[in-house]
Amino acid sequence: MIILIGRAAVGKEMKVAQDLAKLDEVSAVYLLTGEYDFLAEIDIKDVEAGIDFVLDKVRRIGGITETRTMFTKKVK
């Protein structure tokens, strides 16, 4: 799974979250307070596929100004 956190342009937070939620690979999206505006859980296990997903789909969503991507390994 990939955890993606990011920032959105002012006033675009909800639209960005809704656009992320429309993507098949995204299992959950949360709006945040604080340093980042949104968090998405993405069901991709392969690193190459994850990079392609971010480059080809996430970065094309209007209103996203910054992202941070974390690949995870479930322990329990």
Protein backbone atom coordinates (compact mmCIF):
# COMPACT_ATOMS: atom_id res chain seq x y z
CA MET A 1 0.00 0.00 0.00
CA ILE A 2 1.05 3.57 -0.62
CA ILE A 3 0.26 6.47 1.68
CA LEU A 4 0.10 9.75 -0.21
CA ILE A 5 -0.08 13.05 1.65
CA GLY A 6 -0.20 16.41 0.00
CA ARG A 7 -1.20 20.00 -0.20
CA ALA A 8 -3.88 21.58 -2.32
CA ALA A 9 -4.40 25.12 -3.54
CA VAL A 10 -6.49 27.21 -1.16
CA GLY A 11 -10.16 26.42 -1.69
CA LYS A 12 -9.42 23.29 -3.77
CA GLU A 13 -9.04 20.81 -0.90
CA MET A 14 -12.47 19.13 -1.27
CA LYS A 15 -12.24 18.95 -5.09
CA VAL A 16 -8.78 17.34 -4.88
CA ALA A 17 -10.07 14.79 -2.33
CA GLN A 18 -13.10 13.99 -4.49
CA ASP A 19 -10.93 13.58 -7.62
CA LEU A 20 -8.55 11.27 -5.76
CA ALA A 21 -11.48 9.21 -4.48
CA LYS A 22 -12.62 8.58 -8.06
CA LEU A 23 -9.43 6.69 -8.90
CA ASP A 24 -9.84 2.90 -8.76
CA GLU A 25 -6.54 2.36 -6.95
CA VAL A 26 -7.48 4.70 -4.09
CA SER A 27 -9.14 2.89 -1.17
CA ALA A 28 -9.60 5.88 1.16
CA VAL A 29 -9.14 9.65 1.19
CA TYR A 30 -9.02 11.92 4.24
CA LEU A 31 -8.98 15.69 4.56
CA LEU A 32 -6.43 16.85 7.13
CA THR A 33 -5.74 19.87 9.26
CA GLY A 34 -2.23 21.14 9.83
CA GLU A 35 0.75 20.96 7.52
CA TYR A 36 -0.94 18.79 4.85
CA ASP A 37 -4.42 18.99 3.34
CA PHE A 38 -5.15 15.40 2.33
CA LEU A 39 -4.09 11.79 2.80
CA ALA A 40 -4.90 8.94 0.41
CA GLU A 41 -4.46 5.20 0.86
CA ILE A 42 -3.56 3.60 -2.46
CA ASP A 43 -3.77 -0.14 -3.10
CA ILE A 44 -0.62 -0.68 -5.13
CA LYS A 45 2.17 -2.99 -3.95
CA ASP A 46 4.68 -2.68 -6.79
CA VAL A 47 7.07 0.29 -6.58
CA GLU A 48 7.21 0.83 -10.35
CA ALA A 49 3.42 0.75 -10.63
CA GLY A 50 3.19 3.17 -7.71
CA ILE A 51 5.54 5.64 -9.35
CA ASP A 52 3.60 5.40 -12.61
CA PHE A 53 0.33 5.94 -10.73
CA VAL A 54 1.60 9.11 -9.08
CA LEU A 55 3.11 10.48 -12.30
CA ASP A 56 0.27 9.51 -14.65
CA LYS A 57 -2.81 10.02 -12.47
CA VAL A 58 -2.20 11.93 -9.24
CA ARG A 59 -0.07 14.73 -10.66
CA ARG A 60 -2.69 15.40 -13.35
CA ILE A 61 -5.32 16.33 -10.77
CA GLY A 62 -5.84 20.07 -10.79
CA GLY A 63 -5.30 21.85 -7.50
CA ILE A 64 -2.58 19.60 -6.08
CA THR A 65 0.45 21.70 -5.23
CA GLU A 66 2.67 19.16 -3.44
CA THR A 67 2.76 15.44 -2.64
CA ARG A 68 4.73 13.07 -0.44
CA THR A 69 4.59 9.35 -1.18
CA MET A 70 5.34 6.58 1.32
CA PHE A 71 5.43 2.90 0.40
CA THR A 72 4.34 0.74 3.31
CA LYS A 73 4.71 -2.84 4.51
CA LYS A 74 1.92 -4.14 6.71
CA VAL A 75 3.17 -5.77 9.90
CA LYS A 76 -0.16 -6.84 11.40
